[in-house]
Amino acid sequence: MDDVGKLLKEKAVLTLWPETGAVLGLCRGATYAAAQRGDIKTIRLGRLLRVPTAWLRAKLDLKD
């Protein structure tokens, strides 16, 4: 979990796949399906979907 904590502290946003999927333990299809359902909060930067690390830390109940 140290690598995940470090990743979440160093970046403001993560890629939907593979970074967020790996943190949540989801395969590619499940990650995109969860994002489409709204289970994973995403922001759109042009054509790219990104996941705010602040949201992910809160979702995983990680303290700073």
PDB file of N, CA and C in Angstrom:
ATOM      1  N   MET A   1       0.816  -1.194   0.000  1.00  0.00           N
ATOM      2  CA  MET A   1       0.000   0.000   0.000  1.00  0.00           C
ATOM      3  C   MET A   1       0.859   1.257   0.000  1.00  0.00           C
ATOM      4  N   ASP A   2       2.140   1.136   0.298  1.00  0.00           N
ATOM      5  CA  ASP A   2       3.024   2.298   0.292  1.00  0.00           C
ATOM      6  C   ASP A   2       3.133   2.899  -1.096  1.00  0.00           C
ATOM      7  N   ASP A   3       3.227   2.053  -2.119  1.00  0.00           N
ATOM      8  CA  ASP A   3       3.324   2.557  -3.494  1.00  0.00           C
ATOM      9  C   ASP A   3       2.056   3.301  -3.885  1.00  0.00           C
ATOM     10  N   VAL A   4       0.918   2.800  -3.471  1.00  0.00           N
ATOM     11  CA  VAL A   4      -0.352   3.443  -3.788  1.00  0.00           C
ATOM     12  C   VAL A   4      -0.434   4.782  -3.074  1.00  0.00           C
ATOM     13  N   GLY A   5      -0.078   4.813  -1.802  1.00  0.00           N
ATOM     14  CA  GLY A   5      -0.096   6.061  -1.046  1.00  0.00           C
ATOM     15  C   GLY A   5       0.823   7.098  -1.656  1.00  0.00           C
ATOM     16  N   LYS A   6       2.004   6.668  -2.067  1.00  0.00           N
ATOM     17  CA  LYS A   6       2.963   7.572  -2.694  1.00  0.00           C
ATOM     18  C   LYS A   6       2.409   8.108  -4.011  1.00  0.00           C
ATOM     19  N   LEU A   7       1.828   7.234  -4.816  1.00  0.00           N
ATOM     20  CA  LEU A   7       1.234   7.637  -6.086  1.00  0.00           C
ATOM     21  C   LEU A   7       0.124   8.661  -5.871  1.00  0.00           C
ATOM     22  N   LEU A   8      -0.715   8.423  -4.873  1.00  0.00           N
ATOM     23  CA  LEU A   8      -1.845   9.309  -4.610  1.00  0.00           C
ATOM     24  C   LEU A   8      -1.406  10.658  -4.043  1.00  0.00           C
ATOM     25  N   LYS A   9      -0.248  10.710  -3.417  1.00  0.00           N
ATOM     26  CA  LYS A   9       0.261  11.979  -2.882  1.00  0.00           C
ATOM     27  C   LYS A   9       1.020  12.779  -3.928  1.00  0.00           C
ATOM     28  N   GLU A  10       1.632  12.107  -4.891  1.00  0.00           N
ATOM     29  CA  GLU A  10       2.472  12.785  -5.870  1.00  0.00           C
ATOM     30  C   GLU A  10       1.698  13.386  -7.040  1.00  0.00           C
ATOM     31  N   LYS A  11       0.538  12.843  -7.342  1.00  0.00           N
ATOM     32  CA  LYS A  11      -0.202  13.291  -8.527  1.00  0.00           C
ATOM     33  C   LYS A  11      -1.538  13.895  -8.122  1.00  0.00           C
ATOM     34  N   ALA A  12      -1.989  14.865  -8.909  1.00  0.00           N
ATOM     35  CA  ALA A  12      -3.303  15.471  -8.687  1.00  0.00           C
ATOM     36  C   ALA A  12      -4.410  14.650  -9.338  1.00  0.00           C
ATOM     37  N   VAL A  13      -4.086  14.016 -10.467  1.00  0.00           N
ATOM     38  CA  VAL A  13      -5.041  13.156 -11.174  1.00  0.00           C
ATOM     39  C   VAL A  13      -4.318  11.901 -11.638  1.00  0.00           C
ATOM     40  N   LEU A  14      -5.081  10.835 -11.798  1.00  0.00           N
ATOM     41  CA  LEU A  14      -4.547   9.571 -12.316  1.00  0.00           C
ATOM     42  C   LEU A  14      -5.263   9.221 -13.608  1.00  0.00           C
ATOM     43  N   THR A  15      -4.609   8.417 -14.426  1.00  0.00           N
ATOM     44  CA  THR A  15      -5.288   7.886 -15.597  1.00  0.00           C
ATOM     45  C   THR A  15      -6.366   6.921 -15.118  1.00  0.00           C
ATOM     46  N   LEU A  16      -7.428   6.838 -15.897  1.00  0.00           N
ATOM     47  CA  LEU A  16      -8.492   5.897 -15.529  1.00  0.00           C
ATOM     48  C   LEU A  16      -7.942   4.472 -15.603  1.00  0.00           C
ATOM     49  N   TRP A  17      -7.311   4.176 -16.717  1.00  0.00           N
ATOM     50  CA  TRP A  17      -6.652   2.888 -16.883  1.00  0.00           C
ATOM     51  C   TRP A  17      -5.242   3.156 -17.381  1.00  0.00           C
ATOM     52  N   PRO A  18      -4.222   2.617 -16.817  1.00  0.00           N
ATOM     53  CA  PRO A  18      -4.170   1.534 -15.851  1.00  0.00           C
ATOM     54  C   PRO A  18      -4.051   1.965 -14.390  1.00  0.00           C
ATOM     55  N   GLU A  19      -3.747   3.248 -14.111  1.00  0.00           N
ATOM     56  CA  GLU A  19      -3.444   3.633 -12.727  1.00  0.00           C
ATOM     57  C   GLU A  19      -4.613   3.420 -11.770  1.00  0.00           C
ATOM     58  N   THR A  20      -5.772   4.022 -12.050  1.00  0.00           N
ATOM     59  CA  THR A  20      -6.909   3.882 -11.140  1.00  0.00           C
ATOM     60  C   THR A  20      -7.392   2.437 -11.085  1.00  0.00           C
ATOM     61  N   GLY A  21      -7.434   1.776 -12.219  1.00  0.00           N
ATOM     62  CA  GLY A  21      -7.838   0.371 -12.242  1.00  0.00           C
ATOM     63  C   GLY A  21      -6.940  -0.489 -11.363  1.00  0.00           C
ATOM     64  N   ALA A  22      -5.640  -0.245 -11.415  1.00  0.00           N
ATOM     65  CA  ALA A  22      -4.704  -1.014 -10.599  1.00  0.00           C
ATOM     66  C   ALA A  22      -4.901  -0.733  -9.111  1.00  0.00           C
ATOM     67  N   VAL A  23      -5.124   0.524  -8.761  1.00  0.00           N
ATOM     68  CA  VAL A  23      -5.341   0.884  -7.354  1.00  0.00           C
ATOM     69  C   VAL A  23      -6.586   0.189  -6.817  1.00  0.00           C
ATOM     70  N   LEU A  24      -7.631   0.130  -7.627  1.00  0.00           N
ATOM     71  CA  LEU A  24      -8.893  -0.469  -7.193  1.00  0.00           C
ATOM     72  C   LEU A  24      -8.968  -1.971  -7.446  1.00  0.00           C
ATOM     73  N   GLY A  25      -7.977  -2.514  -8.136  1.00  0.00           N
ATOM     74  CA  GLY A  25      -7.965  -3.947  -8.410  1.00  0.00           C
ATOM     75  C   GLY A  25      -8.972  -4.368  -9.459  1.00  0.00           C
ATOM     76  N   LEU A  26      -9.208  -3.497 -10.440  1.00  0.00           N
ATOM     77  CA  LEU A  26     -10.191  -3.783 -11.483  1.00  0.00           C
ATOM     78  C   LEU A  26      -9.506  -4.011 -12.822  1.00  0.00           C
ATOM     79  N   CYS A  27     -10.104  -4.840 -13.649  1.00  0.00           N
ATOM     80  CA  CYS A  27      -9.600  -5.010 -15.010  1.00  0.00           C
ATOM     81  C   CYS A  27     -10.033  -3.795 -15.836  1.00  0.00           C
ATOM     82  N   ARG A  28      -9.528  -3.708 -17.053  1.00  0.00           N
ATOM     83  CA  ARG A  28      -9.782  -2.539 -17.905  1.00  0.00           C
ATOM     84  C   ARG A  28     -11.276  -2.324 -18.142  1.00  0.00           C
ATOM     85  N   GLY A  29     -11.963  -3.371 -18.536  1.00  0.00           N
ATOM     86  CA  GLY A  29     -13.391  -3.250 -18.829  1.00  0.00           C
ATOM     87  C   GLY A  29     -14.210  -2.838 -17.614  1.00  0.00           C
ATOM     88  N   ALA A  30     -13.906  -3.419 -16.478  1.00  0.00           N
ATOM     89  CA  ALA A  30     -14.631  -3.087 -15.248  1.00  0.00           C
ATOM     90  C   ALA A  30     -14.358  -1.652 -14.820  1.00  0.00           C
ATOM     91  N   THR A  31     -13.136  -1.182 -15.045  1.00  0.00           N
ATOM     92  CA  THR A  31     -12.779   0.192 -14.685  1.00  0.00           C
ATOM     93  C   THR A  31     -13.589   1.182 -15.521  1.00  0.00           C
ATOM     94  N   TYR A  32     -13.633   0.980 -16.827  1.00  0.00           N
ATOM     95  CA  TYR A  32     -14.390   1.882 -17.694  1.00  0.00           C
ATOM     96  C   TYR A  32     -15.897   1.777 -17.443  1.00  0.00           C
ATOM     97  N   ALA A  33     -16.384   0.590 -17.149  1.00  0.00           N
ATOM     98  CA  ALA A  33     -17.808   0.420 -16.854  1.00  0.00           C
ATOM     99  C   ALA A  33     -18.178   1.160 -15.563  1.00  0.00           C
ATOM    100  N   ALA A  34     -17.337   1.069 -14.555  1.00  0.00           N
ATOM    101  CA  ALA A  34     -17.588   1.772 -13.291  1.00  0.00           C
ATOM    102  C   ALA A  34     -17.580   3.282 -13.497  1.00  0.00           C
ATOM    103  N   ALA A  35     -16.680   3.764 -14.331  1.00  0.00           N
ATOM    104  CA  ALA A  35     -16.627   5.201 -14.630  1.00  0.00           C
ATOM    105  C   ALA A  35     -17.893   5.634 -15.378  1.00  0.00           C
ATOM    106  N   GLN A  36     -18.346   4.816 -16.308  1.00  0.00           N
ATOM    107  CA  GLN A  36     -19.550   5.145 -17.076  1.00  0.00           C
ATOM    108  C   GLN A  36     -20.787   5.174 -16.180  1.00  0.00           C
ATOM    109  N   ARG A  37     -20.852   4.275 -15.187  1.00  0.00           N
ATOM    110  CA  ARG A  37     -21.967   4.251 -14.237  1.00  0.00           C
ATOM    111  C   ARG A  37     -21.897   5.399 -13.239  1.00  0.00           C
ATOM    112  N   GLY A  38     -20.733   6.010 -13.107  1.00  0.00           N
ATOM    113  CA  GLY A  38     -20.559   7.083 -12.127  1.00  0.00           C
ATOM    114  C   GLY A  38     -19.982   6.594 -10.816  1.00  0.00           C
ATOM    115  N   ASP A  39     -19.601   5.329 -10.741  1.00  0.00           N
ATOM    116  CA  ASP A  39     -19.001   4.787  -9.515  1.00  0.00           C
ATOM    117  C   ASP A  39     -17.588   5.307  -9.303  1.00  0.00           C
ATOM    118  N   ILE A  40     -16.921   5.673 -10.375  1.00  0.00           N
ATOM    119  CA  ILE A  40     -15.599   6.293 -10.314  1.00  0.00           C
ATOM    120  C   ILE A  40     -15.754   7.705 -10.850  1.00  0.00           C
ATOM    121  N   LYS A  41     -15.385   8.697 -10.036  1.00  0.00           N
ATOM    122  CA  LYS A  41     -15.498  10.093 -10.463  1.00  0.00           C
ATOM    123  C   LYS A  41     -14.390  10.401 -11.465  1.00  0.00           C
ATOM    124  N   THR A  42     -14.786  10.945 -12.584  1.00  0.00           N
ATOM    125  CA  THR A  42     -13.810  11.298 -13.610  1.00  0.00           C
ATOM    126  C   THR A  42     -13.971  12.753 -13.998  1.00  0.00           C
ATOM    127  N   ILE A  43     -12.888  13.315 -14.512  1.00  0.00           N
ATOM    128  CA  ILE A  43     -12.933  14.630 -15.135  1.00  0.00           C
ATOM    129  C   ILE A  43     -12.388  14.463 -16.541  1.00  0.00           C
ATOM    130  N   ARG A  44     -12.912  15.232 -17.450  1.00  0.00           N
ATOM    131  CA  ARG A  44     -12.479  15.131 -18.839  1.00  0.00           C
ATOM    132  C   ARG A  44     -11.523  16.268 -19.138  1.00  0.00           C
ATOM    133  N   LEU A  45     -10.347  15.905 -19.641  1.00  0.00           N
ATOM    134  CA  LEU A  45      -9.351  16.862 -20.094  1.00  0.00           C
ATOM    135  C   LEU A  45      -9.170  16.626 -21.583  1.00  0.00           C
ATOM    136  N   GLY A  46      -9.896  17.391 -22.373  1.00  0.00           N
ATOM    137  CA  GLY A  46      -9.910  17.127 -23.808  1.00  0.00           C
ATOM    138  C   GLY A  46     -10.605  15.807 -24.063  1.00  0.00           C
ATOM    139  N   ARG A  47      -9.892  14.867 -24.665  1.00  0.00           N
ATOM    140  CA  ARG A  47     -10.441  13.531 -24.914  1.00  0.00           C
ATOM    141  C   ARG A  47     -10.143  12.561 -23.788  1.00  0.00           C
ATOM    142  N   LEU A  48      -9.312  12.970 -22.848  1.00  0.00           N
ATOM    143  CA  LEU A  48      -8.826  12.065 -21.810  1.00  0.00           C
ATOM    144  C   LEU A  48      -9.693  12.093 -20.563  1.00  0.00           C
ATOM    145  N   LEU A  49      -9.893  10.928 -19.959  1.00  0.00           N
ATOM    146  CA  LEU A  49     -10.570  10.838 -18.671  1.00  0.00           C
ATOM    147  C   LEU A  49      -9.524  10.686 -17.581  1.00  0.00           C
ATOM    148  N   ARG A  50      -9.640  11.499 -16.550  1.00  0.00           N
ATOM    149  CA  ARG A  50      -8.727  11.435 -15.429  1.00  0.00           C
ATOM    150  C   ARG A  50      -9.528  11.315 -14.142  1.00  0.00           C
ATOM    151  N   VAL A  51      -8.909  10.739 -13.116  1.00  0.00           N
ATOM    152  CA  VAL A  51      -9.553  10.552 -11.823  1.00  0.00           C
ATOM    153  C   VAL A  51      -8.813  11.404 -10.799  1.00  0.00           C
ATOM    154  N   PRO A  52      -9.521  12.328 -10.116  1.00  0.00           N
ATOM    155  CA  PRO A  52      -8.872  13.148  -9.098  1.00  0.00           C
ATOM    156  C   PRO A  52      -8.386  12.280  -7.923  1.00  0.00           C
ATOM    157  N   THR A  53      -7.138  12.469  -7.547  1.00  0.00           N
ATOM    158  CA  THR A  53      -6.590  11.655  -6.448  1.00  0.00           C
ATOM    159  C   THR A  53      -7.254  12.004  -5.121  1.00  0.00           C
ATOM    160  N   ALA A  54      -7.714  13.244  -4.953  1.00  0.00           N
ATOM    161  CA  ALA A  54      -8.404  13.613  -3.708  1.00  0.00           C
ATOM    162  C   ALA A  54      -9.668  12.765  -3.544  1.00  0.00           C
ATOM    163  N   TRP A  55     -10.403  12.568  -4.632  1.00  0.00           N
ATOM    164  CA  TRP A  55     -11.605  11.732  -4.576  1.00  0.00           C
ATOM    165  C   TRP A  55     -11.239  10.285  -4.264  1.00  0.00           C
ATOM    166  N   LEU A  56     -10.173   9.801  -4.900  1.00  0.00           N
ATOM    167  CA  LEU A  56      -9.771   8.408  -4.706  1.00  0.00           C
ATOM    168  C   LEU A  56      -9.290   8.169  -3.274  1.00  0.00           C
ATOM    169  N   ARG A  57      -8.536   9.118  -2.718  1.00  0.00           N
ATOM    170  CA  ARG A  57      -8.105   8.995  -1.313  1.00  0.00           C
ATOM    171  C   ARG A  57      -9.295   8.952  -0.390  1.00  0.00           C
ATOM    172  N   ALA A  58     -10.296   9.803  -0.629  1.00  0.00           N
ATOM    173  CA  ALA A  58     -11.500   9.796   0.196  1.00  0.00           C
ATOM    174  C   ALA A  58     -12.279   8.503   0.047  1.00  0.00           C
ATOM    175  N   LYS A  59     -12.372   7.993  -1.183  1.00  0.00           N
ATOM    176  CA  LYS A  59     -13.084   6.737  -1.452  1.00  0.00           C
ATOM    177  C   LYS A  59     -12.434   5.565  -0.726  1.00  0.00           C
ATOM    178  N   LEU A  60     -11.094   5.587  -0.680  1.00  0.00           N
ATOM    179  CA  LEU A  60     -10.344   4.506  -0.022  1.00  0.00           C
ATOM    180  C   LEU A  60     -10.134   4.779   1.457  1.00  0.00           C
ATOM    181  N   ASP A  61     -10.641   5.915   1.932  1.00  0.00           N
ATOM    182  CA  ASP A  61     -10.522   6.325   3.344  1.00  0.00           C
ATOM    183  C   ASP A  61      -9.061   6.363   3.785  1.00  0.00           C
ATOM    184  N   LEU A  62      -8.221   6.981   2.943  1.00  0.00           N
ATOM    185  CA  LEU A  62      -6.800   7.134   3.266  1.00  0.00           C
ATOM    186  C   LEU A  62      -6.558   8.514   3.856  1.00  0.00           C
ATOM    187  N   LYS A  63      -5.837   8.552   4.944  1.00  0.00           N
ATOM    188  CA  LYS A  63      -5.475   9.831   5.571  1.00  0.00           C
ATOM    189  C   LYS A  63      -4.214  10.345   4.920  1.00  0.00           C
ATOM    190  N   ASP A  64      -4.041  11.665   4.886  1.00  0.00           N
ATOM    191  CA  ASP A  64      -2.843  12.274   4.304  1.00  0.00           C
ATOM    192  C   ASP A  64      -1.612  11.950   5.064  1.00  0.00           C
TER     193      ASP A  64
END
